[in-house]
N, C-alpha and C. Protein backbone atom coordinates (compact mmCIF):
# COMPACT_ATOMS: atom_id res chain seq x y z
N MET A 1 0.84 -1.17 0.00
CA MET A 1 0.00 0.00 0.00
C MET A 1 0.89 1.24 0.00
N THR A 2 0.60 2.16 -0.89
CA THR A 2 1.34 3.41 -0.97
C THR A 2 0.65 4.45 -0.12
N ARG A 3 1.43 5.22 0.63
CA ARG A 3 0.85 6.26 1.46
C ARG A 3 1.52 7.58 1.13
N ASN A 4 0.69 8.61 0.97
CA ASN A 4 1.18 9.94 0.66
C ASN A 4 0.30 10.96 1.35
N TYR A 5 0.92 12.10 1.66
CA TYR A 5 0.10 13.21 2.10
C TYR A 5 -0.61 13.76 0.89
N SER A 6 -1.84 14.18 1.06
CA SER A 6 -2.66 14.57 -0.07
C SER A 6 -3.48 15.80 0.23
N LYS A 7 -3.82 16.51 -0.84
CA LYS A 7 -4.78 17.60 -0.72
C LYS A 7 -6.16 16.97 -0.87
N VAL A 8 -7.00 17.19 0.11
CA VAL A 8 -8.34 16.62 0.12
C VAL A 8 -9.35 17.75 0.29
N THR A 9 -10.40 17.72 -0.51
CA THR A 9 -11.53 18.63 -0.34
C THR A 9 -12.61 17.83 0.37
N ALA A 10 -13.11 18.37 1.46
CA ALA A 10 -14.08 17.61 2.26
C ALA A 10 -15.29 18.47 2.60
N TYR A 11 -16.41 17.80 2.78
CA TYR A 11 -17.63 18.46 3.26
C TYR A 11 -17.47 18.71 4.75
N SER A 12 -17.77 19.90 5.18
CA SER A 12 -17.77 20.24 6.60
C SER A 12 -19.15 20.74 6.96
N GLY A 13 -19.85 20.00 7.79
CA GLY A 13 -21.19 20.38 8.24
C GLY A 13 -21.10 20.86 9.67
N TYR A 14 -21.62 20.06 10.59
CA TYR A 14 -21.56 20.44 11.99
C TYR A 14 -20.17 20.26 12.59
N LYS A 15 -19.28 19.54 11.88
CA LYS A 15 -17.89 19.42 12.31
C LYS A 15 -16.99 19.48 11.07
N ALA A 16 -15.72 19.72 11.29
CA ALA A 16 -14.77 19.84 10.18
C ALA A 16 -14.52 18.49 9.52
N ASN A 17 -14.37 18.52 8.21
CA ASN A 17 -13.99 17.35 7.41
C ASN A 17 -14.83 16.11 7.70
N GLU A 18 -16.16 16.29 7.61
CA GLU A 18 -17.07 15.18 7.87
C GLU A 18 -16.97 14.07 6.83
N MET A 19 -16.75 14.47 5.55
CA MET A 19 -16.73 13.48 4.48
C MET A 19 -15.88 14.00 3.32
N PRO A 20 -14.91 13.20 2.84
CA PRO A 20 -14.11 13.64 1.70
C PRO A 20 -14.93 13.67 0.41
N LEU A 21 -14.69 14.70 -0.41
CA LEU A 21 -15.38 14.84 -1.69
C LEU A 21 -14.44 14.58 -2.87
N SER A 22 -13.18 14.97 -2.72
CA SER A 22 -12.18 14.74 -3.76
C SER A 22 -10.80 14.75 -3.12
N PHE A 23 -9.82 14.21 -3.84
CA PHE A 23 -8.45 14.19 -3.34
C PHE A 23 -7.50 14.15 -4.53
N THR A 24 -6.24 14.45 -4.28
CA THR A 24 -5.24 14.50 -5.34
C THR A 24 -4.16 13.45 -5.11
N VAL A 25 -3.85 12.69 -6.16
CA VAL A 25 -2.78 11.70 -6.14
C VAL A 25 -1.89 11.97 -7.35
N ASP A 26 -0.60 12.18 -7.12
CA ASP A 26 0.34 12.45 -8.22
C ASP A 26 -0.18 13.55 -9.15
N ASP A 27 -0.63 14.63 -8.57
CA ASP A 27 -1.15 15.80 -9.31
C ASP A 27 -2.41 15.50 -10.12
N LYS A 28 -3.08 14.38 -9.86
CA LYS A 28 -4.34 14.06 -10.53
C LYS A 28 -5.47 14.08 -9.51
N ARG A 29 -6.49 14.85 -9.82
CA ARG A 29 -7.63 14.98 -8.90
C ARG A 29 -8.61 13.84 -9.14
N HIS A 30 -9.08 13.24 -8.05
CA HIS A 30 -10.08 12.17 -8.10
C HIS A 30 -11.30 12.59 -7.31
N GLU A 31 -12.46 12.34 -7.88
CA GLU A 31 -13.73 12.56 -7.18
C GLU A 31 -14.07 11.30 -6.38
N VAL A 32 -14.63 11.48 -5.21
CA VAL A 32 -15.09 10.35 -4.40
C VAL A 32 -16.49 9.97 -4.89
N ARG A 33 -16.62 8.73 -5.36
CA ARG A 33 -17.92 8.23 -5.80
C ARG A 33 -18.77 7.77 -4.63
N ASP A 34 -18.09 7.09 -3.67
CA ASP A 34 -18.83 6.50 -2.55
C ASP A 34 -17.90 6.33 -1.36
N VAL A 35 -18.44 6.57 -0.17
CA VAL A 35 -17.73 6.25 1.07
C VAL A 35 -18.28 4.90 1.51
N ILE A 36 -17.42 3.87 1.50
CA ILE A 36 -17.91 2.53 1.81
C ILE A 36 -17.74 2.15 3.27
N SER A 37 -16.86 2.85 3.98
CA SER A 37 -16.78 2.68 5.43
C SER A 37 -16.04 3.86 6.03
N ARG A 38 -16.28 4.05 7.32
CA ARG A 38 -15.59 5.11 8.07
C ARG A 38 -15.43 4.67 9.50
N TRP A 39 -14.35 5.11 10.12
CA TRP A 39 -14.10 4.79 11.52
C TRP A 39 -13.21 5.87 12.10
N ALA A 40 -13.12 5.88 13.41
CA ALA A 40 -12.35 6.92 14.09
C ALA A 40 -11.45 6.33 15.15
N GLU A 41 -10.34 7.01 15.36
CA GLU A 41 -9.42 6.75 16.46
C GLU A 41 -9.36 8.04 17.27
N PRO A 42 -8.69 8.05 18.40
CA PRO A 42 -8.70 9.26 19.23
C PRO A 42 -8.28 10.55 18.51
N GLU A 43 -7.31 10.48 17.59
CA GLU A 43 -6.87 11.70 16.90
C GLU A 43 -7.09 11.67 15.40
N LYS A 44 -7.68 10.59 14.86
CA LYS A 44 -7.82 10.47 13.41
C LYS A 44 -9.21 9.98 13.02
N ASP A 45 -9.63 10.42 11.83
CA ASP A 45 -10.83 9.90 11.18
C ASP A 45 -10.39 9.19 9.91
N PHE A 46 -10.96 8.01 9.63
CA PHE A 46 -10.60 7.22 8.46
C PHE A 46 -11.83 7.05 7.56
N PHE A 47 -11.58 7.04 6.25
CA PHE A 47 -12.64 6.86 5.26
C PHE A 47 -12.13 5.91 4.18
N LYS A 48 -12.83 4.81 3.95
CA LYS A 48 -12.52 3.95 2.80
C LYS A 48 -13.49 4.38 1.71
N VAL A 49 -12.94 4.78 0.57
CA VAL A 49 -13.75 5.36 -0.49
C VAL A 49 -13.50 4.65 -1.82
N ILE A 50 -14.46 4.79 -2.73
CA ILE A 50 -14.28 4.40 -4.11
C ILE A 50 -14.19 5.69 -4.91
N ALA A 51 -13.11 5.81 -5.68
CA ALA A 51 -12.88 7.03 -6.46
C ALA A 51 -13.38 6.85 -7.89
N ASP A 52 -13.32 7.94 -8.65
CA ASP A 52 -13.79 7.92 -10.03
C ASP A 52 -12.94 7.05 -10.95
N ASP A 53 -11.78 6.59 -10.48
CA ASP A 53 -10.98 5.65 -11.28
C ASP A 53 -11.33 4.19 -10.96
N GLY A 54 -12.33 3.98 -10.10
CA GLY A 54 -12.79 2.64 -9.75
C GLY A 54 -11.97 1.94 -8.70
N ARG A 55 -11.00 2.64 -8.12
CA ARG A 55 -10.15 2.03 -7.11
C ARG A 55 -10.59 2.42 -5.70
N LYS A 56 -10.22 1.55 -4.74
CA LYS A 56 -10.49 1.84 -3.34
C LYS A 56 -9.28 2.54 -2.75
N TYR A 57 -9.54 3.57 -1.98
CA TYR A 57 -8.50 4.31 -1.28
C TYR A 57 -8.91 4.45 0.18
N THR A 58 -7.94 4.48 1.05
CA THR A 58 -8.20 4.78 2.45
C THR A 58 -7.61 6.15 2.74
N LEU A 59 -8.47 7.08 3.12
CA LEU A 59 -8.05 8.43 3.46
C LEU A 59 -8.14 8.58 4.97
N SER A 60 -7.14 9.21 5.56
CA SER A 60 -7.21 9.48 6.99
C SER A 60 -6.88 10.94 7.24
N TRP A 61 -7.62 11.52 8.17
CA TRP A 61 -7.42 12.91 8.54
C TRP A 61 -6.99 12.98 9.99
N ASN A 62 -5.80 13.54 10.22
CA ASN A 62 -5.29 13.73 11.58
C ASN A 62 -5.86 15.05 12.09
N ARG A 63 -6.76 14.97 13.06
CA ARG A 63 -7.43 16.18 13.57
C ARG A 63 -6.45 17.12 14.26
N LYS A 64 -5.43 16.58 14.91
CA LYS A 64 -4.48 17.42 15.64
C LYS A 64 -3.58 18.22 14.70
N SER A 65 -3.04 17.57 13.68
CA SER A 65 -2.13 18.25 12.74
C SER A 65 -2.85 18.81 11.52
N ASP A 66 -4.13 18.45 11.33
CA ASP A 66 -4.93 18.87 10.19
C ASP A 66 -4.30 18.44 8.86
N LEU A 67 -3.76 17.22 8.82
CA LEU A 67 -3.16 16.67 7.61
C LEU A 67 -3.93 15.44 7.16
N TRP A 68 -4.04 15.29 5.84
CA TRP A 68 -4.66 14.11 5.24
C TRP A 68 -3.58 13.17 4.74
N LEU A 69 -3.78 11.88 4.94
CA LEU A 69 -2.89 10.84 4.44
C LEU A 69 -3.73 9.93 3.55
N ILE A 70 -3.15 9.50 2.45
CA ILE A 70 -3.88 8.63 1.54
C ILE A 70 -3.15 7.32 1.35
N GLY A 71 -3.89 6.23 1.37
CA GLY A 71 -3.35 4.91 1.09
C GLY A 71 -4.12 4.33 -0.09
N ASN A 72 -3.44 3.88 -1.11
CA ASN A 72 -4.07 3.34 -2.30
C ASN A 72 -4.05 1.82 -2.23
N ILE A 73 -5.14 1.20 -2.61
CA ILE A 73 -5.21 -0.26 -2.67
C ILE A 73 -5.49 -0.61 -4.14
N PRO A 74 -4.45 -0.62 -4.99
CA PRO A 74 -4.69 -0.75 -6.43
C PRO A 74 -4.97 -2.15 -6.93
N GLU A 75 -4.69 -3.18 -6.16
CA GLU A 75 -4.81 -4.53 -6.69
C GLU A 75 -6.25 -5.00 -6.90
N LYS A 76 -7.21 -4.35 -6.27
CA LYS A 76 -8.60 -4.75 -6.45
C LYS A 76 -9.40 -3.63 -7.09
N GLN A 77 -9.98 -3.90 -8.23
CA GLN A 77 -10.85 -2.94 -8.89
C GLN A 77 -12.26 -3.14 -8.37
N CYS A 78 -12.99 -2.07 -8.23
CA CYS A 78 -14.37 -2.13 -7.74
C CYS A 78 -15.32 -2.43 -8.88
N GLU A 79 -16.43 -3.06 -8.55
CA GLU A 79 -17.47 -3.30 -9.55
C GLU A 79 -18.06 -1.97 -9.96
N GLN A 80 -18.31 -1.80 -11.23
CA GLN A 80 -18.84 -0.51 -11.72
C GLN A 80 -20.26 -0.63 -12.14
């Protein structure tokens, strides 16, 4: 799994960064098609998403440092 810091655009409603909407990998912007799971740890929020390229990515937001980290899982393509 590759991990990189990423620029993420997220929906913020009653709290900051409730749901990612898009993210950038290698200077290419991807739209989030679906959030398939989410979970939280004491300082981080995690989102497993399906992007517009059909791949699953795990995005995590560190609430303390306000940084997003992206992990790509390229070996499995999602059903379209």
